[in-house]
N, C-alpha and C. Protein backbone atom coordinates (compact mmCIF):
# COMPACT_ATOMS: atom_id res chain seq x y z
N MET A 1 59.22 81.79 -325.73
CA MET A 1 60.31 82.73 -325.92
C MET A 1 61.60 82.12 -325.38
N ARG A 2 62.70 82.62 -325.91
CA ARG A 2 64.03 82.26 -325.42
C ARG A 2 64.48 83.39 -324.50
N ILE A 3 64.78 83.05 -323.25
CA ILE A 3 65.14 84.04 -322.25
C ILE A 3 66.57 83.81 -321.79
N VAL A 4 67.42 84.81 -322.01
CA VAL A 4 68.80 84.72 -321.54
C VAL A 4 68.83 85.15 -320.07
N VAL A 5 69.56 84.39 -319.26
CA VAL A 5 69.72 84.69 -317.84
C VAL A 5 71.21 84.78 -317.57
N SER A 6 71.58 85.83 -316.82
CA SER A 6 72.99 86.04 -316.50
C SER A 6 73.08 86.78 -315.17
N THR A 7 74.12 86.48 -314.40
CA THR A 7 74.27 87.10 -313.09
C THR A 7 75.71 87.09 -312.63
N ASP A 8 76.04 88.09 -311.83
CA ASP A 8 77.32 88.05 -311.12
C ASP A 8 77.07 87.41 -309.76
N HIS A 9 78.05 87.47 -308.87
CA HIS A 9 77.90 86.87 -307.55
C HIS A 9 76.80 87.52 -306.72
N GLY A 10 76.59 88.82 -306.89
CA GLY A 10 75.59 89.53 -306.10
C GLY A 10 74.16 89.15 -306.44
N GLY A 11 73.92 88.83 -307.70
CA GLY A 11 72.58 88.42 -308.12
C GLY A 11 72.35 86.94 -308.03
N PHE A 12 73.42 86.17 -307.78
CA PHE A 12 73.34 84.72 -307.79
C PHE A 12 72.26 84.14 -306.86
N PRO A 13 72.01 84.73 -305.69
CA PRO A 13 70.97 84.15 -304.82
C PRO A 13 69.57 84.08 -305.46
N LEU A 14 69.30 84.89 -306.48
CA LEU A 14 68.01 84.86 -307.15
C LEU A 14 67.96 83.93 -308.36
N LYS A 15 69.12 83.52 -308.83
CA LYS A 15 69.20 82.84 -310.12
C LYS A 15 68.33 81.59 -310.19
N GLU A 16 68.41 80.72 -309.23
CA GLU A 16 67.65 79.47 -309.27
C GLU A 16 66.15 79.74 -309.36
N ALA A 17 65.66 80.66 -308.55
CA ALA A 17 64.23 80.99 -308.57
C ALA A 17 63.82 81.61 -309.90
N VAL A 18 64.67 82.45 -310.46
CA VAL A 18 64.38 83.08 -311.75
C VAL A 18 64.31 82.02 -312.85
N VAL A 19 65.29 81.15 -312.89
CA VAL A 19 65.33 80.09 -313.92
C VAL A 19 64.10 79.18 -313.79
N GLU A 20 63.77 78.78 -312.57
CA GLU A 20 62.59 77.93 -312.34
C GLU A 20 61.32 78.61 -312.83
N THR A 21 61.18 79.89 -312.53
CA THR A 21 59.98 80.63 -312.91
C THR A 21 59.86 80.72 -314.43
N ILE A 22 60.96 81.00 -315.09
CA ILE A 22 60.95 81.09 -316.56
C ILE A 22 60.51 79.75 -317.16
N LYS A 23 61.06 78.67 -316.65
CA LYS A 23 60.70 77.34 -317.15
C LYS A 23 59.24 77.00 -316.85
N GLU A 24 58.76 77.36 -315.66
CA GLU A 24 57.36 77.12 -315.30
C GLU A 24 56.40 77.81 -316.27
N LEU A 25 56.83 78.96 -316.80
CA LEU A 25 56.00 79.71 -317.75
C LEU A 25 56.11 79.15 -319.17
N GLY A 26 56.94 78.12 -319.34
CA GLY A 26 57.06 77.46 -320.63
C GLY A 26 58.07 78.05 -321.59
N HIS A 27 58.97 78.86 -321.07
CA HIS A 27 59.99 79.49 -321.90
C HIS A 27 61.31 78.73 -321.82
N GLU A 28 62.13 78.90 -322.83
CA GLU A 28 63.46 78.30 -322.86
C GLU A 28 64.45 79.22 -322.16
N VAL A 29 65.31 78.66 -321.34
CA VAL A 29 66.33 79.42 -320.62
C VAL A 29 67.68 79.23 -321.31
N ILE A 30 68.34 80.34 -321.56
CA ILE A 30 69.72 80.33 -322.03
C ILE A 30 70.55 80.87 -320.86
N ASP A 31 71.21 79.98 -320.16
CA ASP A 31 71.93 80.33 -318.93
C ASP A 31 73.39 80.63 -319.26
N LEU A 32 73.77 81.90 -319.10
CA LEU A 32 75.14 82.33 -319.40
C LEU A 32 75.99 82.47 -318.14
N GLY A 33 75.50 81.95 -317.03
CA GLY A 33 76.29 82.00 -315.80
C GLY A 33 75.91 83.22 -314.97
N GLN A 34 76.53 83.33 -314.01
CA GLN A 34 77.58 82.64 -313.32
C GLN A 34 76.98 81.39 -312.69
N PHE A 35 77.83 80.40 -312.44
CA PHE A 35 77.36 79.12 -311.96
C PHE A 35 77.73 78.84 -310.50
N ASN A 36 78.29 79.84 -309.82
CA ASN A 36 78.61 79.74 -308.40
C ASN A 36 78.67 81.17 -307.84
N GLN A 37 78.95 81.28 -306.55
CA GLN A 37 78.98 82.61 -305.93
C GLN A 37 80.36 83.21 -305.82
N ASP A 38 81.31 82.73 -306.59
CA ASP A 38 82.64 83.33 -306.59
C ASP A 38 82.53 84.78 -307.06
N ARG A 39 83.35 85.64 -306.49
CA ARG A 39 83.33 87.06 -306.85
C ARG A 39 83.55 87.21 -308.35
N SER A 40 82.75 88.08 -308.96
CA SER A 40 82.85 88.32 -310.40
C SER A 40 82.43 89.76 -310.69
N ASP A 41 82.59 90.19 -311.93
CA ASP A 41 82.29 91.56 -312.31
C ASP A 41 81.01 91.62 -313.13
N TYR A 42 80.03 92.41 -312.66
CA TYR A 42 78.73 92.48 -313.32
C TYR A 42 78.79 92.89 -314.79
N PRO A 43 79.73 93.79 -315.22
CA PRO A 43 79.72 94.14 -316.64
C PRO A 43 79.96 92.94 -317.56
N ASP A 44 80.74 91.97 -317.10
CA ASP A 44 81.03 90.80 -317.93
C ASP A 44 79.75 90.00 -318.21
N TYR A 45 78.94 89.82 -317.19
CA TYR A 45 77.72 89.02 -317.35
C TYR A 45 76.62 89.81 -318.05
N ALA A 46 76.55 91.10 -317.81
CA ALA A 46 75.58 91.93 -318.54
C ALA A 46 75.92 91.95 -320.03
N GLU A 47 77.19 92.09 -320.34
CA GLU A 47 77.61 92.11 -321.74
C GLU A 47 77.27 90.81 -322.45
N LYS A 48 77.50 89.68 -321.80
CA LYS A 48 77.16 88.38 -322.40
C LYS A 48 75.68 88.33 -322.77
N ALA A 49 74.84 88.76 -321.85
CA ALA A 49 73.40 88.72 -322.10
C ALA A 49 73.00 89.68 -323.22
N GLY A 50 73.55 90.88 -323.20
CA GLY A 50 73.25 91.86 -324.23
C GLY A 50 73.66 91.38 -325.60
N ARG A 51 74.83 90.79 -325.70
CA ARG A 51 75.29 90.27 -326.99
C ARG A 51 74.37 89.15 -327.49
N SER A 52 73.89 88.33 -326.59
CA SER A 52 72.98 87.25 -326.96
C SER A 52 71.69 87.82 -327.56
N LEU A 53 71.19 88.89 -326.98
CA LEU A 53 69.98 89.55 -327.52
C LEU A 53 70.26 90.18 -328.87
N ILE A 54 71.36 90.88 -328.98
CA ILE A 54 71.71 91.56 -330.23
C ILE A 54 71.90 90.56 -331.36
N ARG A 55 72.47 89.41 -331.06
CA ARG A 55 72.68 88.38 -332.09
C ARG A 55 71.40 87.62 -332.43
N GLY A 56 70.32 87.89 -331.68
CA GLY A 56 69.05 87.21 -331.95
C GLY A 56 68.95 85.82 -331.35
N GLU A 57 69.84 85.48 -330.44
CA GLU A 57 69.81 84.17 -329.80
C GLU A 57 68.74 84.09 -328.73
N ALA A 58 68.33 85.25 -328.21
CA ALA A 58 67.32 85.31 -327.16
C ALA A 58 66.32 86.41 -327.52
N ASP A 59 65.11 86.27 -326.99
CA ASP A 59 64.06 87.25 -327.21
C ASP A 59 64.03 88.31 -326.11
N ARG A 60 64.33 87.90 -324.89
CA ARG A 60 64.38 88.80 -323.74
C ARG A 60 65.43 88.29 -322.79
N GLY A 61 65.72 89.10 -321.77
CA GLY A 61 66.71 88.70 -320.79
C GLY A 61 66.33 89.07 -319.38
N VAL A 62 66.86 88.33 -318.43
CA VAL A 62 66.79 88.66 -317.01
C VAL A 62 68.23 88.62 -316.51
N VAL A 63 68.71 89.79 -316.06
CA VAL A 63 70.12 89.92 -315.68
C VAL A 63 70.17 90.50 -314.27
N MET A 64 71.05 89.94 -313.45
CA MET A 64 71.08 90.30 -312.03
C MET A 64 72.49 90.63 -311.55
N CYS A 65 72.54 91.56 -310.62
CA CYS A 65 73.73 91.84 -309.83
C CYS A 65 73.25 92.15 -308.43
N GLY A 66 74.08 92.69 -307.58
CA GLY A 66 73.66 92.94 -306.20
C GLY A 66 72.49 93.89 -306.09
N SER A 67 72.56 95.04 -306.78
CA SER A 67 71.49 96.03 -306.73
C SER A 67 70.62 96.03 -307.98
N GLY A 68 71.15 95.50 -309.07
CA GLY A 68 70.48 95.57 -310.37
C GLY A 68 70.88 96.81 -311.15
N ILE A 69 71.47 97.77 -310.50
CA ILE A 69 71.82 99.04 -311.14
C ILE A 69 73.01 98.87 -312.09
N GLY A 70 74.03 98.19 -311.66
CA GLY A 70 75.22 98.03 -312.50
C GLY A 70 74.93 97.32 -313.80
N VAL A 71 74.14 96.25 -313.73
CA VAL A 71 73.82 95.54 -314.98
C VAL A 71 72.92 96.38 -315.87
N ALA A 72 72.01 97.16 -315.27
CA ALA A 72 71.14 98.03 -316.07
C ALA A 72 71.97 99.08 -316.81
N ILE A 73 72.90 99.69 -316.12
CA ILE A 73 73.76 100.70 -316.77
C ILE A 73 74.55 100.07 -317.90
N THR A 74 75.15 98.93 -317.64
CA THR A 74 75.96 98.26 -318.65
C THR A 74 75.12 97.90 -319.87
N LEU A 75 73.99 97.28 -319.66
CA LEU A 75 73.14 96.84 -320.77
C LEU A 75 72.65 98.01 -321.61
N ASN A 76 72.35 99.12 -320.98
CA ASN A 76 71.84 100.27 -321.72
C ASN A 76 72.92 101.00 -322.51
N LYS A 77 74.16 100.54 -322.43
CA LYS A 77 75.23 101.04 -323.29
C LYS A 77 75.26 100.31 -324.62
N MET A 78 74.41 99.30 -324.78
CA MET A 78 74.42 98.45 -325.96
C MET A 78 73.22 98.79 -326.84
N LYS A 79 73.48 99.13 -328.08
CA LYS A 79 72.42 99.53 -329.00
C LYS A 79 71.42 98.39 -329.21
N GLY A 80 70.16 98.71 -329.03
CA GLY A 80 69.10 97.72 -329.23
C GLY A 80 68.74 96.95 -327.97
N VAL A 81 69.43 97.23 -326.89
CA VAL A 81 69.13 96.59 -325.61
C VAL A 81 68.45 97.64 -324.73
N TYR A 82 67.27 97.30 -324.21
CA TYR A 82 66.49 98.25 -323.42
C TYR A 82 66.20 97.60 -322.07
N ALA A 83 67.07 97.92 -321.11
CA ALA A 83 67.04 97.29 -319.80
C ALA A 83 66.42 98.20 -318.76
N GLY A 84 65.66 97.60 -317.86
CA GLY A 84 65.08 98.35 -316.77
C GLY A 84 65.22 97.61 -315.46
N LEU A 85 65.61 98.35 -314.43
CA LEU A 85 65.66 97.81 -313.08
C LEU A 85 64.24 97.87 -312.52
N CYS A 86 63.70 96.73 -312.16
CA CYS A 86 62.32 96.69 -311.65
C CYS A 86 62.32 96.07 -310.26
N GLU A 87 61.65 96.76 -309.35
CA GLU A 87 61.52 96.27 -307.99
C GLU A 87 60.06 96.01 -307.63
N ASN A 88 59.19 96.04 -308.67
CA ASN A 88 57.77 95.75 -308.45
C ASN A 88 57.18 95.20 -309.75
N THR A 89 56.01 94.58 -309.64
CA THR A 89 55.40 93.94 -310.81
C THR A 89 54.87 94.95 -311.81
N TYR A 90 54.37 96.09 -311.36
CA TYR A 90 53.84 97.08 -312.28
C TYR A 90 54.92 97.56 -313.26
N SER A 91 56.06 97.94 -312.74
CA SER A 91 57.15 98.41 -313.60
C SER A 91 57.59 97.34 -314.58
N ALA A 92 57.55 96.08 -314.16
CA ALA A 92 58.00 94.99 -315.02
C ALA A 92 57.11 94.83 -316.25
N HIS A 93 55.80 94.91 -316.07
CA HIS A 93 54.93 94.77 -317.25
C HIS A 93 54.79 96.09 -317.99
N GLN A 94 54.77 97.20 -317.29
CA GLN A 94 54.65 98.50 -317.94
C GLN A 94 55.88 98.80 -318.78
N GLY A 95 57.05 98.39 -318.33
CA GLY A 95 58.28 98.60 -319.09
C GLY A 95 58.24 97.90 -320.44
N VAL A 96 57.64 96.74 -320.48
CA VAL A 96 57.48 96.02 -321.74
C VAL A 96 56.38 96.66 -322.57
N GLU A 97 55.21 96.87 -321.97
CA GLU A 97 54.04 97.37 -322.70
C GLU A 97 54.25 98.77 -323.27
N HIS A 98 54.74 99.68 -322.47
CA HIS A 98 54.85 101.07 -322.88
C HIS A 98 56.20 101.41 -323.50
N ASP A 99 57.26 100.73 -323.07
CA ASP A 99 58.62 101.16 -323.41
C ASP A 99 59.43 100.14 -324.18
N ASP A 100 58.86 98.99 -324.50
CA ASP A 100 59.53 97.95 -325.28
C ASP A 100 60.80 97.44 -324.59
N MET A 101 60.78 97.40 -323.26
CA MET A 101 61.90 96.89 -322.48
C MET A 101 62.12 95.42 -322.83
N ASN A 102 63.37 95.04 -323.10
CA ASN A 102 63.64 93.65 -323.43
C ASN A 102 64.54 92.94 -322.41
N VAL A 103 65.01 93.67 -321.41
CA VAL A 103 65.79 93.06 -320.33
C VAL A 103 65.28 93.55 -318.99
N LEU A 104 64.99 92.60 -318.13
CA LEU A 104 64.62 92.87 -316.75
C LEU A 104 65.87 92.76 -315.90
N CYS A 105 66.15 93.79 -315.12
CA CYS A 105 67.29 93.78 -314.20
C CYS A 105 66.77 93.65 -312.77
N LEU A 106 67.41 92.78 -312.02
CA LEU A 106 67.02 92.55 -310.63
C LEU A 106 68.24 92.63 -309.73
N GLY A 107 68.01 93.00 -308.47
CA GLY A 107 69.07 93.07 -307.47
C GLY A 107 68.97 91.93 -306.49
N GLY A 108 69.96 91.06 -306.49
CA GLY A 108 69.95 89.90 -305.62
C GLY A 108 70.08 90.21 -304.15
N VAL A 109 70.63 91.36 -303.83
CA VAL A 109 70.79 91.75 -302.43
C VAL A 109 69.53 92.45 -301.91
N VAL A 110 68.77 93.09 -302.80
CA VAL A 110 67.64 93.92 -302.37
C VAL A 110 66.27 93.35 -302.70
N THR A 111 66.20 92.27 -303.48
CA THR A 111 64.91 91.71 -303.89
C THR A 111 64.78 90.30 -303.35
N GLY A 112 63.67 90.04 -302.66
CA GLY A 112 63.42 88.70 -302.13
C GLY A 112 63.04 87.73 -303.25
N THR A 113 63.19 86.46 -302.96
CA THR A 113 62.96 85.42 -303.96
C THR A 113 61.53 85.41 -304.47
N GLU A 114 60.55 85.46 -303.61
CA GLU A 114 59.16 85.39 -304.06
C GLU A 114 58.76 86.63 -304.85
N LEU A 115 59.23 87.78 -304.43
CA LEU A 115 58.97 89.00 -305.20
C LEU A 115 59.65 88.90 -306.56
N ALA A 116 60.86 88.40 -306.61
CA ALA A 116 61.56 88.23 -307.89
C ALA A 116 60.75 87.33 -308.82
N ARG A 117 60.20 86.25 -308.30
CA ARG A 117 59.37 85.36 -309.11
C ARG A 117 58.17 86.13 -309.71
N ASP A 118 57.51 86.90 -308.86
CA ASP A 118 56.35 87.68 -309.32
C ASP A 118 56.74 88.71 -310.38
N ILE A 119 57.87 89.36 -310.19
CA ILE A 119 58.35 90.36 -311.15
C ILE A 119 58.68 89.69 -312.48
N VAL A 120 59.33 88.55 -312.45
CA VAL A 120 59.66 87.82 -313.68
C VAL A 120 58.38 87.41 -314.41
N ARG A 121 57.39 86.91 -313.69
CA ARG A 121 56.10 86.54 -314.31
C ARG A 121 55.47 87.74 -315.00
N SER A 122 55.46 88.86 -314.31
CA SER A 122 54.87 90.08 -314.87
C SER A 122 55.60 90.52 -316.13
N PHE A 123 56.92 90.47 -316.11
CA PHE A 123 57.76 90.84 -317.25
C PHE A 123 57.49 89.92 -318.45
N LEU A 124 57.49 88.63 -318.21
CA LEU A 124 57.37 87.68 -319.31
C LEU A 124 55.95 87.56 -319.86
N ASN A 125 54.96 87.87 -319.05
CA ASN A 125 53.57 87.81 -319.52
C ASN A 125 53.14 89.07 -320.27
N ALA A 126 53.95 90.10 -320.23
CA ALA A 126 53.61 91.37 -320.89
C ALA A 126 54.03 91.35 -322.36
N GLN A 127 53.28 92.08 -323.16
CA GLN A 127 53.57 92.24 -324.58
C GLN A 127 53.63 93.73 -324.92
N PRO A 128 54.55 94.14 -325.79
CA PRO A 128 54.62 95.56 -326.17
C PRO A 128 53.32 96.01 -326.84
N LEU A 129 52.85 97.20 -326.51
CA LEU A 129 51.64 97.73 -327.13
C LEU A 129 51.92 98.21 -328.55
N ASN A 130 53.08 98.84 -328.75
CA ASN A 130 53.52 99.27 -330.09
C ASN A 130 52.43 99.95 -330.90
N GLN A 131 51.75 100.88 -330.28
CA GLN A 131 50.72 101.64 -330.99
C GLN A 131 50.56 103.01 -330.32
N GLY A 132 49.96 103.92 -331.04
CA GLY A 132 49.63 105.23 -330.49
C GLY A 132 50.78 105.93 -329.83
N ARG A 133 50.50 106.55 -328.69
CA ARG A 133 51.51 107.35 -328.01
C ARG A 133 52.71 106.53 -327.55
N TYR A 134 52.49 105.23 -327.26
CA TYR A 134 53.61 104.38 -326.82
C TYR A 134 54.61 104.20 -327.96
N LEU A 135 54.11 103.92 -329.14
CA LEU A 135 54.97 103.76 -330.29
C LEU A 135 55.70 105.06 -330.63
N GLU A 136 55.00 106.18 -330.51
CA GLU A 136 55.62 107.49 -330.79
C GLU A 136 56.76 107.75 -329.80
N ARG A 137 56.57 107.40 -328.56
CA ARG A 137 57.63 107.61 -327.56
C ARG A 137 58.82 106.70 -327.83
N ILE A 138 58.55 105.46 -328.21
CA ILE A 138 59.64 104.53 -328.53
C ILE A 138 60.44 105.07 -329.72
N LYS A 139 59.74 105.58 -330.72
CA LYS A 139 60.43 106.17 -331.88
C LYS A 139 61.32 107.32 -331.44
N LYS A 140 60.87 108.11 -330.48
CA LYS A 140 61.67 109.23 -329.99
C LYS A 140 62.96 108.75 -329.31
N TYR A 141 62.85 107.74 -328.45
CA TYR A 141 64.09 107.32 -327.79
C TYR A 141 65.01 106.59 -328.76
N LYS A 142 64.44 105.92 -329.76
CA LYS A 142 65.31 105.27 -330.75
C LYS A 142 66.00 106.30 -331.63
N LYS A 143 65.38 107.44 -331.85
CA LYS A 143 66.04 108.54 -332.59
C LYS A 143 67.22 109.07 -331.77
N ILE A 144 67.02 109.23 -330.48
CA ILE A 144 68.11 109.66 -329.59
C ILE A 144 69.22 108.60 -329.61
N GLU A 145 68.84 107.34 -329.53
CA GLU A 145 69.80 106.24 -329.57
C GLU A 145 70.63 106.31 -330.86
N SER A 146 69.98 106.54 -331.97
CA SER A 146 70.70 106.61 -333.25
C SER A 146 71.72 107.74 -333.27
N GLU A 147 71.38 108.86 -332.67
CA GLU A 147 72.29 109.99 -332.63
C GLU A 147 73.54 109.70 -331.81
N PHE A 148 73.36 109.05 -330.67
CA PHE A 148 74.47 108.83 -329.77
C PHE A 148 75.22 107.52 -329.98
N PHE A 149 74.68 106.62 -330.77
CA PHE A 149 75.34 105.34 -331.06
C PHE A 149 75.77 105.30 -332.52
N LYS A 150 76.59 106.26 -332.92
CA LYS A 150 77.06 106.31 -334.31
C LYS A 150 78.28 105.47 -334.51
């Protein structure tokens, strides 16, 4: 898979570990920055990653800010981008399996490096179930998305 990675200054402390983990799993990394810890605005980096997904340049994304909340909010304003803030491995794989999540959001200030690695592994090793009640629920939220993203 092609995985877009993007972060502001707050998520930057996790970036190297996230990129290494993605590569260790055999995936391609599309690194959209930030490339240093200079102060920056999380919406800019979340938007870059979301646009990459929408254009089909990436299959999934890992996007970081200080808490993970700001990038999650920003990404979920973009039609077709389904971002979730995950602070544990269960949510990371369940979000993909049950909810078709395509972006993992992490908080560089609140998530340790080794936990971030485990969460990324869980996210990338998961596959959407896309059947039964899970598919029906996804159809429901996409119907809501269609109504509000006219």
